[in-house]
Amino acid sequence: MTKKQWEYVNFGGVIAFGVFLLLSFVTAEAGTANRVMVLFCEIIGAALIVGAYLSIHHLNGERRFIPFSIMVFLSAWLVYAIGYEIGVDASTNYKWIWFLFLYIVLIAGFYFLRKMYTGLTGPFKLLPIFLLFINAILFVIILFFNIWWSLPFTG
């Protein structure tokens, strides 16, 4: 594959992941439909991590920041997906370990995505900004859950 095709694979994978992520949030109330959308999202995310890893070896120069930023972005969603699959909720013992690890991964992701932004030029500079925005939304949602589950009257 050419370098341009590797870039298209990365961008297309991010778009597909975003679409199925949005669909998984939209179908949150429907049990079976939500599980299907989450499964599609997890499969696309895993394929995107593999594609980003493979494209690191084929892209050179500043274009290598594209797959690196995708891998940094998906690391936080990987931790979130692990918590979702093992069933972390308000009644889970030691849920603070999952929250702490997720906060560390998210804050490190903010730092690295900002570094990726400074390393890119042209229209590719928009990708780390978009990924940073999506991770910021995840950070706010996780912060809300952490505070809500820690309230004394909810449990």
N, C-alpha and C. Protein backbone atom coordinates (compact mmCIF):
# COMPACT_ATOMS: atom_id res chain seq x y z
N MET A 1 0.83 -1.17 0.00
CA MET A 1 0.00 0.00 0.00
C MET A 1 0.89 1.25 0.00
N THR A 2 0.36 2.28 -0.58
CA THR A 2 1.10 3.54 -0.61
C THR A 2 0.91 4.29 0.70
N LYS A 3 1.71 5.33 0.89
CA LYS A 3 1.62 6.13 2.11
C LYS A 3 0.27 6.83 2.20
N LYS A 4 -0.24 7.26 1.08
CA LYS A 4 -1.54 7.92 1.06
C LYS A 4 -2.65 6.95 1.49
N GLN A 5 -2.55 5.70 1.04
CA GLN A 5 -3.54 4.70 1.42
C GLN A 5 -3.48 4.39 2.91
N TRP A 6 -2.28 4.37 3.50
CA TRP A 6 -2.16 4.17 4.94
C TRP A 6 -2.82 5.32 5.69
N GLU A 7 -2.64 6.53 5.19
CA GLU A 7 -3.29 7.69 5.82
C GLU A 7 -4.81 7.58 5.72
N TYR A 8 -5.32 7.15 4.57
CA TYR A 8 -6.76 6.97 4.40
C TYR A 8 -7.30 5.88 5.32
N VAL A 9 -6.54 4.82 5.50
CA VAL A 9 -6.95 3.75 6.42
C VAL A 9 -7.07 4.30 7.84
N ASN A 10 -6.09 5.10 8.25
CA ASN A 10 -6.14 5.68 9.59
C ASN A 10 -7.32 6.63 9.76
N PHE A 11 -7.50 7.54 8.81
CA PHE A 11 -8.61 8.49 8.91
C PHE A 11 -9.96 7.80 8.81
N GLY A 12 -10.09 6.85 7.91
CA GLY A 12 -11.34 6.11 7.78
C GLY A 12 -11.65 5.30 9.03
N GLY A 13 -10.63 4.72 9.63
CA GLY A 13 -10.84 3.98 10.87
C GLY A 13 -11.30 4.87 12.01
N VAL A 14 -10.72 6.05 12.10
CA VAL A 14 -11.14 7.00 13.15
C VAL A 14 -12.58 7.44 12.92
N ILE A 15 -12.94 7.68 11.68
CA ILE A 15 -14.32 8.09 11.37
C ILE A 15 -15.29 6.95 11.69
N ALA A 16 -14.95 5.73 11.31
CA ALA A 16 -15.82 4.58 11.60
C ALA A 16 -15.94 4.37 13.11
N PHE A 17 -14.83 4.49 13.83
CA PHE A 17 -14.87 4.35 15.28
C PHE A 17 -15.76 5.42 15.89
N GLY A 18 -15.63 6.64 15.43
CA GLY A 18 -16.46 7.74 15.94
C GLY A 18 -17.94 7.53 15.66
N VAL A 19 -18.27 7.05 14.48
CA VAL A 19 -19.67 6.82 14.13
C VAL A 19 -20.27 5.74 15.03
N PHE A 20 -19.57 4.63 15.20
CA PHE A 20 -20.11 3.56 16.03
C PHE A 20 -20.08 3.93 17.52
N LEU A 21 -19.14 4.77 17.91
CA LEU A 21 -19.14 5.28 19.28
C LEU A 21 -20.38 6.14 19.52
N LEU A 22 -20.68 7.01 18.56
CA LEU A 22 -21.88 7.83 18.66
C LEU A 22 -23.14 6.95 18.68
N LEU A 23 -23.19 5.95 17.83
CA LEU A 23 -24.34 5.04 17.80
C LEU A 23 -24.47 4.26 19.10
N SER A 24 -23.35 3.92 19.73
CA SER A 24 -23.44 3.20 21.01
C SER A 24 -23.99 4.10 22.10
N PHE A 25 -23.71 5.40 22.05
CA PHE A 25 -24.29 6.31 23.03
C PHE A 25 -25.76 6.59 22.73
N VAL A 26 -26.12 6.64 21.46
CA VAL A 26 -27.51 6.91 21.08
C VAL A 26 -28.40 5.74 21.47
N THR A 27 -27.90 4.54 21.36
CA THR A 27 -28.70 3.35 21.67
C THR A 27 -28.48 2.86 23.10
N ALA A 28 -28.11 3.75 24.01
CA ALA A 28 -27.79 3.35 25.39
C ALA A 28 -28.97 2.73 26.11
N GLU A 29 -30.17 3.14 25.80
CA GLU A 29 -31.35 2.62 26.49
C GLU A 29 -31.81 1.27 25.94
N ALA A 30 -31.51 0.99 24.70
CA ALA A 30 -31.90 -0.28 24.09
C ALA A 30 -30.82 -1.32 24.39
N GLY A 31 -31.15 -2.33 25.12
CA GLY A 31 -30.16 -3.30 25.61
C GLY A 31 -29.39 -4.02 24.53
N THR A 32 -30.09 -4.76 23.67
CA THR A 32 -29.42 -5.57 22.66
C THR A 32 -28.77 -4.72 21.59
N ALA A 33 -29.45 -3.68 21.15
CA ALA A 33 -28.87 -2.80 20.13
C ALA A 33 -27.61 -2.12 20.65
N ASN A 34 -27.61 -1.74 21.91
CA ASN A 34 -26.42 -1.12 22.49
C ASN A 34 -25.27 -2.09 22.56
N ARG A 35 -25.51 -3.32 22.94
CA ARG A 35 -24.44 -4.33 23.00
C ARG A 35 -23.84 -4.57 21.61
N VAL A 36 -24.69 -4.57 20.58
CA VAL A 36 -24.20 -4.76 19.21
C VAL A 36 -23.33 -3.58 18.78
N MET A 37 -23.78 -2.36 19.07
CA MET A 37 -23.01 -1.17 18.69
C MET A 37 -21.69 -1.11 19.46
N VAL A 38 -21.71 -1.49 20.73
CA VAL A 38 -20.48 -1.52 21.52
C VAL A 38 -19.53 -2.57 20.96
N LEU A 39 -20.07 -3.72 20.57
CA LEU A 39 -19.23 -4.76 19.98
C LEU A 39 -18.59 -4.29 18.68
N PHE A 40 -19.39 -3.66 17.81
CA PHE A 40 -18.83 -3.11 16.56
C PHE A 40 -17.76 -2.07 16.86
N CYS A 41 -18.02 -1.23 17.84
CA CYS A 41 -17.06 -0.19 18.21
C CYS A 41 -15.76 -0.81 18.72
N GLU A 42 -15.86 -1.86 19.51
CA GLU A 42 -14.66 -2.53 20.02
C GLU A 42 -13.89 -3.21 18.90
N ILE A 43 -14.59 -3.82 17.96
CA ILE A 43 -13.91 -4.49 16.84
C ILE A 43 -13.20 -3.46 15.95
N ILE A 44 -13.89 -2.36 15.66
CA ILE A 44 -13.28 -1.32 14.84
C ILE A 44 -12.10 -0.69 15.57
N GLY A 45 -12.23 -0.49 16.88
CA GLY A 45 -11.13 0.07 17.66
C GLY A 45 -9.92 -0.85 17.66
N ALA A 46 -10.13 -2.15 17.80
CA ALA A 46 -9.02 -3.10 17.76
C ALA A 46 -8.36 -3.12 16.38
N ALA A 47 -9.18 -3.10 15.33
CA ALA A 47 -8.62 -3.06 13.99
C ALA A 47 -7.87 -1.74 13.74
N LEU A 48 -8.36 -0.67 14.31
CA LEU A 48 -7.71 0.62 14.15
C LEU A 48 -6.37 0.67 14.87
N ILE A 49 -6.29 0.06 16.04
CA ILE A 49 -5.00 -0.01 16.74
C ILE A 49 -3.99 -0.80 15.92
N VAL A 50 -4.43 -1.93 15.38
CA VAL A 50 -3.53 -2.74 14.55
C VAL A 50 -3.12 -1.97 13.29
N GLY A 51 -4.09 -1.32 12.65
CA GLY A 51 -3.77 -0.53 11.45
C GLY A 51 -2.84 0.62 11.74
N ALA A 52 -3.03 1.29 12.88
CA ALA A 52 -2.15 2.39 13.25
C ALA A 52 -0.75 1.88 13.54
N TYR A 53 -0.65 0.74 14.22
CA TYR A 53 0.66 0.17 14.49
C TYR A 53 1.39 -0.20 13.20
N LEU A 54 0.67 -0.81 12.28
CA LEU A 54 1.29 -1.19 11.01
C LEU A 54 1.68 0.03 10.18
N SER A 55 0.88 1.08 10.25
CA SER A 55 1.19 2.26 9.44
C SER A 55 2.37 3.05 10.00
N ILE A 56 2.71 2.86 11.26
CA ILE A 56 3.90 3.52 11.82
C ILE A 56 5.14 3.11 11.03
N HIS A 57 5.17 1.86 10.61
CA HIS A 57 6.34 1.34 9.89
C HIS A 57 6.38 1.77 8.43
N HIS A 58 5.26 2.25 7.90
CA HIS A 58 5.20 2.63 6.49
C HIS A 58 5.22 4.13 6.26
N LEU A 59 4.87 4.90 7.28
CA LEU A 59 4.88 6.35 7.15
C LEU A 59 6.18 6.90 7.71
N ASN A 60 6.62 8.01 7.16
CA ASN A 60 7.85 8.61 7.66
C ASN A 60 7.65 10.11 7.89
N GLY A 61 8.60 10.71 8.57
CA GLY A 61 8.54 12.15 8.82
C GLY A 61 7.42 12.51 9.77
N GLU A 62 6.82 13.64 9.48
CA GLU A 62 5.74 14.11 10.35
C GLU A 62 4.48 13.28 10.22
N ARG A 63 4.34 12.53 9.15
CA ARG A 63 3.15 11.69 8.97
C ARG A 63 3.08 10.56 10.00
N ARG A 64 4.19 10.25 10.66
CA ARG A 64 4.18 9.22 11.70
C ARG A 64 3.39 9.66 12.93
N PHE A 65 3.19 10.98 13.07
CA PHE A 65 2.41 11.47 14.20
C PHE A 65 0.94 11.09 14.09
N ILE A 66 0.48 10.82 12.89
CA ILE A 66 -0.93 10.46 12.69
C ILE A 66 -1.25 9.13 13.39
N PRO A 67 -0.54 8.04 13.10
CA PRO A 67 -0.86 6.79 13.82
C PRO A 67 -0.53 6.86 15.30
N PHE A 68 0.51 7.62 15.67
CA PHE A 68 0.80 7.76 17.09
C PHE A 68 -0.35 8.44 17.82
N SER A 69 -0.92 9.48 17.21
CA SER A 69 -2.02 10.17 17.86
C SER A 69 -3.25 9.27 17.96
N ILE A 70 -3.46 8.42 16.97
CA ILE A 70 -4.59 7.48 17.02
C ILE A 70 -4.38 6.46 18.13
N MET A 71 -3.17 5.98 18.30
CA MET A 71 -2.90 5.01 19.35
C MET A 71 -3.03 5.64 20.73
N VAL A 72 -2.60 6.89 20.88
CA VAL A 72 -2.76 7.59 22.16
C VAL A 72 -4.24 7.80 22.45
N PHE A 73 -5.00 8.18 21.43
CA PHE A 73 -6.44 8.38 21.57
C PHE A 73 -7.13 7.10 22.00
N LEU A 74 -6.80 6.00 21.36
CA LEU A 74 -7.49 4.75 21.64
C LEU A 74 -7.05 4.09 22.94
N SER A 75 -5.93 4.51 23.50
CA SER A 75 -5.50 3.92 24.77
C SER A 75 -6.50 4.24 25.88
N ALA A 76 -7.02 5.47 25.91
CA ALA A 76 -8.02 5.82 26.92
C ALA A 76 -9.31 5.05 26.68
N TRP A 77 -9.70 4.91 25.44
CA TRP A 77 -10.93 4.17 25.14
C TRP A 77 -10.76 2.68 25.42
N LEU A 78 -9.54 2.18 25.32
CA LEU A 78 -9.27 0.79 25.66
C LEU A 78 -9.47 0.56 27.15
N VAL A 79 -8.97 1.47 27.97
CA VAL A 79 -9.17 1.35 29.42
C VAL A 79 -10.66 1.46 29.75
N TYR A 80 -11.35 2.38 29.08
CA TYR A 80 -12.80 2.53 29.29
C TYR A 80 -13.54 1.24 28.90
N ALA A 81 -13.16 0.65 27.77
CA ALA A 81 -13.81 -0.58 27.30
C ALA A 81 -13.55 -1.74 28.25
N ILE A 82 -12.36 -1.81 28.80
CA ILE A 82 -12.07 -2.88 29.77
C ILE A 82 -12.96 -2.72 31.00
N GLY A 83 -13.10 -1.49 31.48
CA GLY A 83 -13.99 -1.26 32.62
C GLY A 83 -15.43 -1.58 32.29
N TYR A 84 -15.85 -1.26 31.06
CA TYR A 84 -17.21 -1.57 30.64
C TYR A 84 -17.44 -3.08 30.58
N GLU A 85 -16.49 -3.80 30.03
CA GLU A 85 -16.64 -5.24 29.86
C GLU A 85 -16.58 -6.00 31.18
N ILE A 86 -15.77 -5.52 32.13
CA ILE A 86 -15.72 -6.23 33.41
C ILE A 86 -16.83 -5.80 34.35
N GLY A 87 -17.58 -4.77 33.95
CA GLY A 87 -18.76 -4.37 34.69
C GLY A 87 -18.51 -3.43 35.85
N VAL A 88 -17.61 -2.47 35.69
CA VAL A 88 -17.38 -1.49 36.74
C VAL A 88 -18.61 -0.60 36.85
N ASP A 89 -19.19 -0.54 38.05
CA ASP A 89 -20.33 0.34 38.30
C ASP A 89 -20.24 0.87 39.72
N ALA A 90 -21.30 1.51 40.19
CA ALA A 90 -21.28 2.16 41.51
C ALA A 90 -21.06 1.17 42.65
N SER A 91 -21.47 -0.06 42.49
CA SER A 91 -21.35 -1.05 43.57
C SER A 91 -20.06 -1.87 43.50
N THR A 92 -19.21 -1.62 42.55
CA THR A 92 -17.97 -2.38 42.39
C THR A 92 -16.97 -1.99 43.47
N ASN A 93 -16.39 -3.00 44.11
CA ASN A 93 -15.32 -2.74 45.07
C ASN A 93 -14.07 -2.29 44.33
N TYR A 94 -13.34 -1.40 44.90
CA TYR A 94 -12.07 -0.91 44.34
C TYR A 94 -12.23 -0.28 42.97
N LYS A 95 -13.37 0.35 42.71
CA LYS A 95 -13.57 1.03 41.43
C LYS A 95 -12.63 2.23 41.29
N TRP A 96 -12.11 2.73 42.40
CA TRP A 96 -11.22 3.87 42.36
C TRP A 96 -9.92 3.54 41.62
N ILE A 97 -9.51 2.28 41.62
CA ILE A 97 -8.30 1.89 40.88
C ILE A 97 -8.52 2.09 39.39
N TRP A 98 -9.70 1.68 38.89
CA TRP A 98 -10.01 1.87 37.48
C TRP A 98 -10.09 3.35 37.14
N PHE A 99 -10.75 4.14 38.00
CA PHE A 99 -10.84 5.57 37.75
C PHE A 99 -9.46 6.23 37.75
N LEU A 100 -8.63 5.87 38.72
CA LEU A 100 -7.29 6.46 38.79
C LEU A 100 -6.48 6.13 37.55
N PHE A 101 -6.50 4.86 37.13
CA PHE A 101 -5.75 4.47 35.93
C PHE A 101 -6.30 5.18 34.69
N LEU A 102 -7.61 5.31 34.60
CA LEU A 102 -8.21 6.01 33.46
C LEU A 102 -7.83 7.48 33.46
N TYR A 103 -7.83 8.12 34.63
CA TYR A 103 -7.41 9.53 34.70
C TYR A 103 -5.95 9.69 34.27
N ILE A 104 -5.10 8.80 34.71
CA ILE A 104 -3.68 8.89 34.33
C ILE A 104 -3.52 8.73 32.83
N VAL A 105 -4.21 7.76 32.25
CA VAL A 105 -4.11 7.54 30.80
C VAL A 105 -4.68 8.73 30.03
N LEU A 106 -5.79 9.30 30.50
CA LEU A 106 -6.39 10.45 29.82
C LEU A 106 -5.49 11.68 29.89
N ILE A 107 -4.93 11.96 31.06
CA ILE A 107 -4.06 13.14 31.20
C ILE A 107 -2.78 12.97 30.39
N ALA A 108 -2.22 11.77 30.39
CA ALA A 108 -1.05 11.51 29.54
C ALA A 108 -1.43 11.64 28.07
N GLY A 109 -2.63 11.20 27.72
CA GLY A 109 -3.10 11.33 26.34
C GLY A 109 -3.26 12.79 25.94
N PHE A 110 -3.76 13.63 26.86
CA PHE A 110 -3.85 15.07 26.56
C PHE A 110 -2.48 15.64 26.25
N TYR A 111 -1.50 15.27 27.06
CA TYR A 111 -0.15 15.77 26.85
C TYR A 111 0.42 15.32 25.50
N PHE A 112 0.30 14.02 25.22
CA PHE A 112 0.87 13.51 23.97
C PHE A 112 0.12 14.00 22.74
N LEU A 113 -1.20 14.14 22.83
CA LEU A 113 -1.95 14.65 21.68
C LEU A 113 -1.58 16.10 21.40
N ARG A 114 -1.28 16.86 22.44
CA ARG A 114 -0.82 18.23 22.23
C ARG A 114 0.55 18.23 21.55
N LYS A 115 1.41 17.30 21.94
CA LYS A 115 2.72 17.18 21.27
C LYS A 115 2.55 16.76 19.81
N MET A 116 1.60 15.88 19.53
CA MET A 116 1.34 15.47 18.15
C MET A 116 0.84 16.64 17.33
N TYR A 117 0.05 17.50 17.95
CA TYR A 117 -0.47 18.68 17.25
C TYR A 117 0.68 19.59 16.81
N THR A 118 1.66 19.79 17.66
CA THR A 118 2.77 20.67 17.28
C THR A 118 3.67 20.02 16.24
N GLY A 119 3.64 18.70 16.13
CA GLY A 119 4.50 18.02 15.17
C GLY A 119 3.94 17.95 13.76
N LEU A 120 2.66 18.22 13.58
CA LEU A 120 2.03 18.11 12.27
C LEU A 120 1.84 19.48 11.63
N THR A 121 1.74 19.48 10.31
CA THR A 121 1.43 20.70 9.57
C THR A 121 0.32 20.41 8.58
N GLY A 122 -0.31 21.46 8.11
CA GLY A 122 -1.34 21.32 7.09
C GLY A 122 -2.64 20.80 7.65
N PRO A 123 -3.45 20.20 6.78
CA PRO A 123 -4.77 19.73 7.23
C PRO A 123 -4.70 18.56 8.21
N PHE A 124 -3.58 17.86 8.25
CA PHE A 124 -3.44 16.75 9.18
C PHE A 124 -3.37 17.23 10.63
N LYS A 125 -3.16 18.51 10.81
CA LYS A 125 -3.09 19.07 12.15
C LYS A 125 -4.45 19.01 12.85
N LEU A 126 -5.53 18.85 12.11
CA LEU A 126 -6.86 18.80 12.71
C LEU A 126 -7.14 17.48 13.42
N LEU A 127 -6.49 16.41 13.03
CA LEU A 127 -6.77 15.11 13.63
C LEU A 127 -6.47 15.08 15.13
N PRO A 128 -5.28 15.48 15.60
CA PRO A 128 -5.06 15.46 17.05
C PRO A 128 -6.01 16.38 17.82
N ILE A 129 -6.42 17.50 17.22
CA ILE A 129 -7.36 18.40 17.88
C ILE A 129 -8.71 17.70 18.05
N PHE A 130 -9.17 17.04 17.01
CA PHE A 130 -10.44 16.31 17.07
C PHE A 130 -10.36 15.19 18.11
N LEU A 131 -9.27 14.44 18.12
CA LEU A 131 -9.11 13.35 19.08
C LEU A 131 -9.00 13.88 20.50
N LEU A 132 -8.35 15.02 20.66
CA LEU A 132 -8.25 15.65 21.97
C LEU A 132 -9.63 16.08 22.47
N PHE A 133 -10.46 16.59 21.58
CA PHE A 133 -11.82 16.99 21.94
C PHE A 133 -12.64 15.79 22.39
N ILE A 134 -12.56 14.69 21.66
CA ILE A 134 -13.33 13.49 22.01
C ILE A 134 -12.85 12.93 23.36
N ASN A 135 -11.54 12.93 23.59
CA ASN A 135 -11.03 12.46 24.88
C ASN A 135 -11.42 13.40 26.01
N ALA A 136 -11.53 14.69 25.74
CA ALA A 136 -11.99 15.64 26.76
C ALA A 136 -13.44 15.36 27.14
N ILE A 137 -14.26 15.00 26.17
CA ILE A 137 -15.64 14.63 26.47
C ILE A 137 -15.67 13.37 27.34
N LEU A 138 -14.83 12.38 27.01
CA LEU A 138 -14.74 11.18 27.83
C LEU A 138 -14.30 11.54 29.25
N PHE A 139 -13.35 12.45 29.38
CA PHE A 139 -12.86 12.87 30.70
C PHE A 139 -14.00 13.48 31.53
N VAL A 140 -14.81 14.31 30.93
CA VAL A 140 -15.92 14.94 31.65
C VAL A 140 -16.95 13.89 32.05
N ILE A 141 -17.25 12.95 31.17
CA ILE A 141 -18.22 11.90 31.49
C ILE A 141 -17.71 11.03 32.63
N ILE A 142 -16.44 10.65 32.57
CA ILE A 142 -15.86 9.81 33.62
C ILE A 142 -15.78 10.57 34.94
N LEU A 143 -15.47 11.84 34.89
CA LEU A 143 -15.44 12.65 36.11
C LEU A 143 -16.84 12.72 36.73
N PHE A 144 -17.87 12.88 35.90
CA PHE A 144 -19.25 12.89 36.39
C PHE A 144 -19.59 11.56 37.06
N PHE A 145 -19.27 10.44 36.40
CA PHE A 145 -19.57 9.13 36.99
C PHE A 145 -18.82 8.93 38.30
N ASN A 146 -17.57 9.35 38.34
CA ASN A 146 -16.78 9.20 39.55
C ASN A 146 -17.40 9.99 40.70
N ILE A 147 -17.82 11.22 40.46
CA ILE A 147 -18.44 12.03 41.50
C ILE A 147 -19.81 11.45 41.88
N TRP A 148 -20.61 11.08 40.88
CA TRP A 148 -21.95 10.59 41.15
C TRP A 148 -21.92 9.29 41.95
N TRP A 149 -21.02 8.37 41.59
CA TRP A 149 -20.95 7.10 42.29
C TRP A 149 -20.37 7.26 43.69
N SER A 150 -19.70 8.36 43.97
CA SER A 150 -19.12 8.59 45.29
C SER A 150 -20.06 9.31 46.24
N LEU A 151 -21.19 9.78 45.76
CA LEU A 151 -22.16 10.46 46.62
C LEU A 151 -22.76 9.46 47.60
N PRO A 152 -22.99 9.86 48.85
CA PRO A 152 -23.46 8.88 49.86
C PRO A 152 -24.90 8.42 49.64
N PHE A 153 -25.74 9.21 49.01
CA PHE A 153 -27.14 8.82 48.87
C PHE A 153 -27.43 7.99 47.63
N THR A 154 -26.42 7.71 46.80
CA THR A 154 -26.66 6.95 45.58
C THR A 154 -26.45 5.46 45.78
N GLY A 155 -25.82 5.07 46.84
CA GLY A 155 -25.40 3.71 46.93
C GLY A 155 -26.11 2.77 47.77
